Amino acid sequence: MNQPVKMVVVLMMIALVAGALLAFTYQATYPKIQQQAKEALESSVLKVIPGAEKMEEVQKDGMTFYIGMDNQGSKKGIAFKAVGSGFSGPIEIMVGYNPKEGKLTGIEILSMSETPGLGAKIKEPSFTEQFKGKSVKDEFAPKKDVKVITGATISPTAVAKAIKSTLEEVTKIYPVGGDF
């Protein structure tokens, strides 16, 4: 066998072994990754719905909702995801909502890639806590009823717009004063 063919065969063998190791590692870790993602989702749902101790996933009109309940099965609120376009990419938000009262019960930023020290402050309680108790009828207008972060107006604006636009769709499915 001449030298170039031998090099190609060796390189193919290395690639085959590396690919097999990668596939094995993926198969071995996938269930654990899925379990951790499920636990993180449940944790964020329970965080944005006060009094909820368990959740149930429901599909309605093409949207996914998470019904938060206490241990006796009493419904405490619903949660849903909202996605906005921030300065550095998408911002994914878990939003808690109580349809009976027509108010938000909390938000949590699930993922974002905003500038550390500026836009990333949207994850801090000083920003997220302002949404607790907000009515669905509020404007969600930055600098009016949503406090912005100095030096980072794009990220807070993206969060407010994402919540408001998604909330408009949610209230068509779960109207204010209605059951859930």
C-alpha atoms as a PDB file:
ATOM      1  CA  MET A   1       0.000   0.000   0.000  1.00  0.00           C
ATOM      2  CA  ASN A   2       1.446   3.354  -0.943  1.00  0.00           C
ATOM      3  CA  GLN A   3       1.883   6.169   1.587  1.00  0.00           C
ATOM      4  CA  PRO A   4      -1.106   8.437   0.637  1.00  0.00           C
ATOM      5  CA  VAL A   5      -3.604   5.555   0.736  1.00  0.00           C
ATOM      6  CA  LYS A   6      -2.213   4.396   4.078  1.00  0.00           C
ATOM      7  CA  MET A   7      -2.654   7.928   5.513  1.00  0.00           C
ATOM      8  CA  VAL A   8      -6.263   8.079   4.289  1.00  0.00           C
ATOM      9  CA  VAL A   9      -7.049   4.671   5.839  1.00  0.00           C
ATOM     10  CA  VAL A  10      -5.487   5.674   9.184  1.00  0.00           C
ATOM     11  CA  LEU A  11      -7.349   8.992   9.168  1.00  0.00           C
ATOM     12  CA  MET A  12     -10.640   7.214   8.409  1.00  0.00           C
ATOM     13  CA  MET A  13     -10.048   4.785  11.279  1.00  0.00           C
ATOM     14  CA  ILE A  14      -9.354   7.662  13.679  1.00  0.00           C
ATOM     15  CA  ALA A  15     -12.505   9.472  12.499  1.00  0.00           C
ATOM     16  CA  LEU A  16     -14.556   6.278  12.867  1.00  0.00           C
ATOM     17  CA  VAL A  17     -13.326   5.670  16.434  1.00  0.00           C
ATOM     18  CA  ALA A  18     -13.869   9.343  17.399  1.00  0.00           C
ATOM     19  CA  GLY A  19     -17.381   9.283  15.903  1.00  0.00           C
ATOM     20  CA  ALA A  20     -18.241   6.064  17.744  1.00  0.00           C
ATOM     21  CA  LEU A  21     -16.974   7.517  21.041  1.00  0.00           C
ATOM     22  CA  LEU A  22     -18.996  10.678  20.499  1.00  0.00           C
ATOM     23  CA  ALA A  23     -22.145   8.669  19.703  1.00  0.00           C
ATOM     24  CA  PHE A  24     -21.642   6.470  22.780  1.00  0.00           C
ATOM     25  CA  THR A  25     -21.120   9.510  25.014  1.00  0.00           C
ATOM     26  CA  TYR A  26     -24.247  11.160  23.629  1.00  0.00           C
ATOM     27  CA  GLN A  27     -26.340   8.030  24.207  1.00  0.00           C
ATOM     28  CA  ALA A  28     -24.982   7.624  27.729  1.00  0.00           C
ATOM     29  CA  THR A  29     -25.584  11.246  28.791  1.00  0.00           C
ATOM     30  CA  TYR A  30     -28.819  12.056  26.924  1.00  0.00           C
ATOM     31  CA  PRO A  31     -31.234  10.713  29.575  1.00  0.00           C
ATOM     32  CA  LYS A  32     -29.444  12.666  32.323  1.00  0.00           C
ATOM     33  CA  ILE A  33     -29.497  15.857  30.236  1.00  0.00           C
ATOM     34  CA  GLN A  34     -33.230  15.429  29.580  1.00  0.00           C
ATOM     35  CA  GLN A  35     -33.914  14.830  33.287  1.00  0.00           C
ATOM     36  CA  GLN A  36     -31.983  17.958  34.268  1.00  0.00           C
ATOM     37  CA  ALA A  37     -33.845  20.025  31.656  1.00  0.00           C
ATOM     38  CA  LYS A  38     -37.176  18.734  32.997  1.00  0.00           C
ATOM     39  CA  GLU A  39     -36.163  19.585  36.579  1.00  0.00           C
ATOM     40  CA  ALA A  40     -35.020  23.081  35.549  1.00  0.00           C
ATOM     41  CA  LEU A  41     -38.320  23.688  33.747  1.00  0.00           C
ATOM     42  CA  GLU A  42     -40.355  22.530  36.740  1.00  0.00           C
ATOM     43  CA  SER A  43     -38.249  24.647  39.082  1.00  0.00           C
ATOM     44  CA  SER A  44     -38.833  27.782  37.002  1.00  0.00           C
ATOM     45  CA  VAL A  45     -42.588  27.103  36.787  1.00  0.00           C
ATOM     46  CA  LEU A  46     -42.875  26.628  40.538  1.00  0.00           C
ATOM     47  CA  LYS A  47     -40.817  29.781  41.090  1.00  0.00           C
ATOM     48  CA  VAL A  48     -43.132  32.015  39.031  1.00  0.00           C
ATOM     49  CA  ILE A  49     -46.370  30.611  40.494  1.00  0.00           C
ATOM     50  CA  PRO A  50     -46.462  31.250  44.259  1.00  0.00           C
ATOM     51  CA  GLY A  51     -47.988  28.388  46.252  1.00  0.00           C
ATOM     52  CA  ALA A  52     -47.530  25.853  43.457  1.00  0.00           C
ATOM     53  CA  GLU A  53     -45.873  22.610  44.482  1.00  0.00           C
ATOM     54  CA  LYS A  54     -46.405  20.594  41.330  1.00  0.00           C
ATOM     55  CA  MET A  55     -47.230  21.264  37.690  1.00  0.00           C
ATOM     56  CA  GLU A  56     -49.064  19.818  34.752  1.00  0.00           C
ATOM     57  CA  GLU A  57     -48.215  20.531  31.115  1.00  0.00           C
ATOM     58  CA  VAL A  58     -51.132  21.448  28.829  1.00  0.00           C
ATOM     59  CA  GLN A  59     -51.239  22.189  25.093  1.00  0.00           C
ATOM     60  CA  LYS A  60     -53.857  24.690  23.895  1.00  0.00           C
ATOM     61  CA  ASP A  61     -54.145  26.454  20.543  1.00  0.00           C
ATOM     62  CA  GLY A  62     -50.553  25.647  19.636  1.00  0.00           C
ATOM     63  CA  MET A  63     -49.109  26.977  22.906  1.00  0.00           C
ATOM     64  CA  THR A  64     -47.665  25.104  25.863  1.00  0.00           C
ATOM     65  CA  PHE A  65     -48.888  26.036  29.332  1.00  0.00           C
ATOM     66  CA  TYR A  66     -47.884  24.781  32.736  1.00  0.00           C
ATOM     67  CA  ILE A  67     -50.665  24.643  35.328  1.00  0.00           C
ATOM     68  CA  GLY A  68     -49.272  25.161  38.840  1.00  0.00           C
ATOM     69  CA  MET A  69     -51.078  23.367  41.663  1.00  0.00           C
ATOM     70  CA  ASP A  70     -50.648  22.846  45.370  1.00  0.00           C
ATOM     71  CA  ASN A  71     -50.510  19.352  46.899  1.00  0.00           C
ATOM     72  CA  GLN A  72     -54.313  19.234  47.226  1.00  0.00           C
ATOM     73  CA  GLY A  73     -54.690  19.828  43.485  1.00  0.00           C
ATOM     74  CA  SER A  74     -55.927  23.428  43.744  1.00  0.00           C
ATOM     75  CA  LYS A  75     -54.828  25.479  40.761  1.00  0.00           C
ATOM     76  CA  LYS A  76     -52.589  28.396  41.682  1.00  0.00           C
ATOM     77  CA  GLY A  77     -51.847  29.843  38.245  1.00  0.00           C
ATOM     78  CA  ILE A  78     -50.389  29.133  34.853  1.00  0.00           C
ATOM     79  CA  ALA A  79     -46.948  29.635  33.408  1.00  0.00           C
ATOM     80  CA  PHE A  80     -45.844  30.037  29.816  1.00  0.00           C
ATOM     81  CA  LYS A  81     -42.721  30.916  27.883  1.00  0.00           C
ATOM     82  CA  ALA A  82     -42.207  34.239  26.134  1.00  0.00           C
ATOM     83  CA  VAL A  83     -39.310  34.967  23.792  1.00  0.00           C
ATOM     84  CA  GLY A  84     -37.974  38.406  22.927  1.00  0.00           C
ATOM     85  CA  SER A  85     -35.131  39.674  20.814  1.00  0.00           C
ATOM     86  CA  GLY A  86     -32.453  41.242  23.009  1.00  0.00           C
ATOM     87  CA  PHE A  87     -29.271  43.118  22.157  1.00  0.00           C
ATOM     88  CA  SER A  88     -27.156  39.971  21.809  1.00  0.00           C
ATOM     89  CA  GLY A  89     -29.774  37.405  20.865  1.00  0.00           C
ATOM     90  CA  PRO A  90     -33.022  35.823  22.033  1.00  0.00           C
ATOM     91  CA  ILE A  91     -34.230  36.188  25.606  1.00  0.00           C
ATOM     92  CA  GLU A  92     -36.387  33.312  26.880  1.00  0.00           C
ATOM     93  CA  ILE A  93     -38.671  34.112  29.809  1.00  0.00           C
ATOM     94  CA  MET A  94     -40.934  31.973  31.997  1.00  0.00           C
ATOM     95  CA  VAL A  95     -43.991  34.033  32.946  1.00  0.00           C
ATOM     96  CA  GLY A  96     -46.410  33.234  35.775  1.00  0.00           C
ATOM     97  CA  TYR A  97     -50.016  34.397  35.351  1.00  0.00           C
ATOM     98  CA  ASN A  98     -53.192  34.174  37.407  1.00  0.00           C
ATOM     99  CA  PRO A  99     -56.142  34.342  34.987  1.00  0.00           C
ATOM    100  CA  LYS A 100     -58.710  34.786  37.777  1.00  0.00           C
ATOM    101  CA  GLU A 101     -57.051  38.047  38.857  1.00  0.00           C
ATOM    102  CA  GLY A 102     -55.599  39.013  35.471  1.00  0.00           C
ATOM    103  CA  LYS A 103     -52.189  39.596  37.030  1.00  0.00           C
ATOM    104  CA  LEU A 104     -48.672  38.309  36.619  1.00  0.00           C
ATOM    105  CA  THR A 105     -47.346  36.263  39.504  1.00  0.00           C
ATOM    106  CA  GLY A 106     -43.674  36.443  38.540  1.00  0.00           C
ATOM    107  CA  ILE A 107     -41.104  36.021  35.802  1.00  0.00           C
ATOM    108  CA  GLU A 108     -37.791  34.244  35.455  1.00  0.00           C
ATOM    109  CA  ILE A 109     -35.249  34.719  32.701  1.00  0.00           C
ATOM    110  CA  LEU A 110     -34.518  31.213  31.398  1.00  0.00           C
ATOM    111  CA  SER A 111     -31.840  32.025  28.859  1.00  0.00           C
ATOM    112  CA  MET A 112     -30.171  35.069  27.348  1.00  0.00           C
ATOM    113  CA  SER A 113     -26.813  36.182  26.006  1.00  0.00           C
ATOM    114  CA  GLU A 114     -26.882  39.837  26.972  1.00  0.00           C
ATOM    115  CA  THR A 115     -23.819  41.902  27.868  1.00  0.00           C
ATOM    116  CA  PRO A 116     -22.488  40.959  31.338  1.00  0.00           C
ATOM    117  CA  GLY A 117     -22.864  43.852  33.767  1.00  0.00           C
ATOM    118  CA  LEU A 118     -25.417  45.657  31.581  1.00  0.00           C
ATOM    119  CA  GLY A 119     -28.165  43.750  29.777  1.00  0.00           C
ATOM    120  CA  ALA A 120     -27.530  40.671  31.901  1.00  0.00           C
ATOM    121  CA  LYS A 121     -28.990  42.603  34.849  1.00  0.00           C
ATOM    122  CA  ILE A 122     -32.420  41.564  33.571  1.00  0.00           C
ATOM    123  CA  LYS A 123     -31.863  38.319  35.539  1.00  0.00           C
ATOM    124  CA  GLU A 124     -31.524  40.200  38.827  1.00  0.00           C
ATOM    125  CA  PRO A 125     -34.452  40.400  41.270  1.00  0.00           C
ATOM    126  CA  SER A 126     -34.271  44.202  41.169  1.00  0.00           C
ATOM    127  CA  PHE A 127     -35.554  43.926  37.584  1.00  0.00           C
ATOM    128  CA  THR A 128     -37.710  40.770  37.608  1.00  0.00           C
ATOM    129  CA  GLU A 129     -39.624  41.570  40.812  1.00  0.00           C
ATOM    130  CA  GLN A 130     -41.274  44.628  39.226  1.00  0.00           C
ATOM    131  CA  PHE A 131     -43.473  42.325  37.129  1.00  0.00           C
ATOM    132  CA  LYS A 132     -45.138  40.638  40.127  1.00  0.00           C
ATOM    133  CA  GLY A 133     -48.703  41.871  40.426  1.00  0.00           C
ATOM    134  CA  LYS A 134     -48.692  43.655  37.063  1.00  0.00           C
ATOM    135  CA  SER A 135     -52.095  43.656  35.410  1.00  0.00           C
ATOM    136  CA  VAL A 136     -52.569  42.306  31.916  1.00  0.00           C
ATOM    137  CA  LYS A 137     -54.092  45.717  31.144  1.00  0.00           C
ATOM    138  CA  ASP A 138     -50.817  47.536  31.920  1.00  0.00           C
ATOM    139  CA  GLU A 139     -48.880  48.982  28.985  1.00  0.00           C
ATOM    140  CA  PHE A 140     -45.573  47.232  29.767  1.00  0.00           C
ATOM    141  CA  ALA A 141     -43.936  50.372  28.404  1.00  0.00           C
ATOM    142  CA  PRO A 142     -40.277  50.923  29.279  1.00  0.00           C
ATOM    143  CA  LYS A 143     -39.661  54.068  31.344  1.00  0.00           C
ATOM    144  CA  LYS A 144     -43.418  54.316  32.037  1.00  0.00           C
ATOM    145  CA  ASP A 145     -44.500  51.235  33.938  1.00  0.00           C
ATOM    146  CA  VAL A 146     -41.375  49.109  33.394  1.00  0.00           C
ATOM    147  CA  LYS A 147     -38.133  50.284  34.932  1.00  0.00           C
ATOM    148  CA  VAL A 148     -35.193  50.083  32.577  1.00  0.00           C
ATOM    149  CA  ILE A 149     -31.561  49.434  33.393  1.00  0.00           C
ATOM    150  CA  THR A 150     -29.228  52.381  32.921  1.00  0.00           C
ATOM    151  CA  GLY A 151     -27.007  51.729  29.906  1.00  0.00           C
ATOM    152  CA  ALA A 152     -29.083  48.770  28.786  1.00  0.00           C
ATOM    153  CA  THR A 153     -32.498  49.804  27.514  1.00  0.00           C
ATOM    154  CA  ILE A 154     -32.710  47.209  24.724  1.00  0.00           C
ATOM    155  CA  SER A 155     -32.779  44.165  27.029  1.00  0.00           C
ATOM    156  CA  PRO A 156     -35.507  45.421  29.418  1.00  0.00           C
ATOM    157  CA  THR A 157     -37.536  46.642  26.429  1.00  0.00           C
ATOM    158  CA  ALA A 158     -37.232  43.195  24.812  1.00  0.00           C
ATOM    159  CA  VAL A 159     -38.438  41.523  28.018  1.00  0.00           C
ATOM    160  CA  ALA A 160     -41.417  43.889  28.364  1.00  0.00           C
ATOM    161  CA  LYS A 161     -42.416  43.524  24.692  1.00  0.00           C
ATOM    162  CA  ALA A 162     -42.081  39.731  24.787  1.00  0.00           C
ATOM    163  CA  ILE A 163     -44.253  39.463  27.883  1.00  0.00           C
ATOM    164  CA  LYS A 164     -46.892  41.869  26.566  1.00  0.00           C
ATOM    165  CA  SER A 165     -47.172  40.299  23.108  1.00  0.00           C
ATOM    166  CA  THR A 166     -47.305  36.741  24.455  1.00  0.00           C
ATOM    167  CA  LEU A 167     -49.737  37.790  27.190  1.00  0.00           C
ATOM    168  CA  GLU A 168     -52.099  39.128  24.530  1.00  0.00           C
ATOM    169  CA  GLU A 169     -52.217  35.647  22.987  1.00  0.00           C
ATOM    170  CA  VAL A 170     -52.521  33.943  26.371  1.00  0.00           C
ATOM    171  CA  THR A 171     -55.485  36.090  27.466  1.00  0.00           C
ATOM    172  CA  LYS A 172     -57.389  34.937  24.368  1.00  0.00           C
ATOM    173  CA  ILE A 173     -57.026  31.376  25.642  1.00  0.00           C
ATOM    174  CA  TYR A 174     -57.230  32.118  29.381  1.00  0.00           C
ATOM    175  CA  PRO A 175     -59.314  35.330  29.650  1.00  0.00           C
ATOM    176  CA  VAL A 176     -59.199  37.508  32.750  1.00  0.00           C
ATOM    177  CA  GLY A 177     -61.672  36.247  35.341  1.00  0.00           C
ATOM    178  CA  GLY A 178     -61.919  32.865  33.656  1.00  0.00           C
ATOM    179  CA  ASP A 179     -61.031  29.443  34.934  1.00  0.00           C
ATOM    180  CA  PHE A 180     -57.899  27.587  34.069  1.00  0.00           C
END
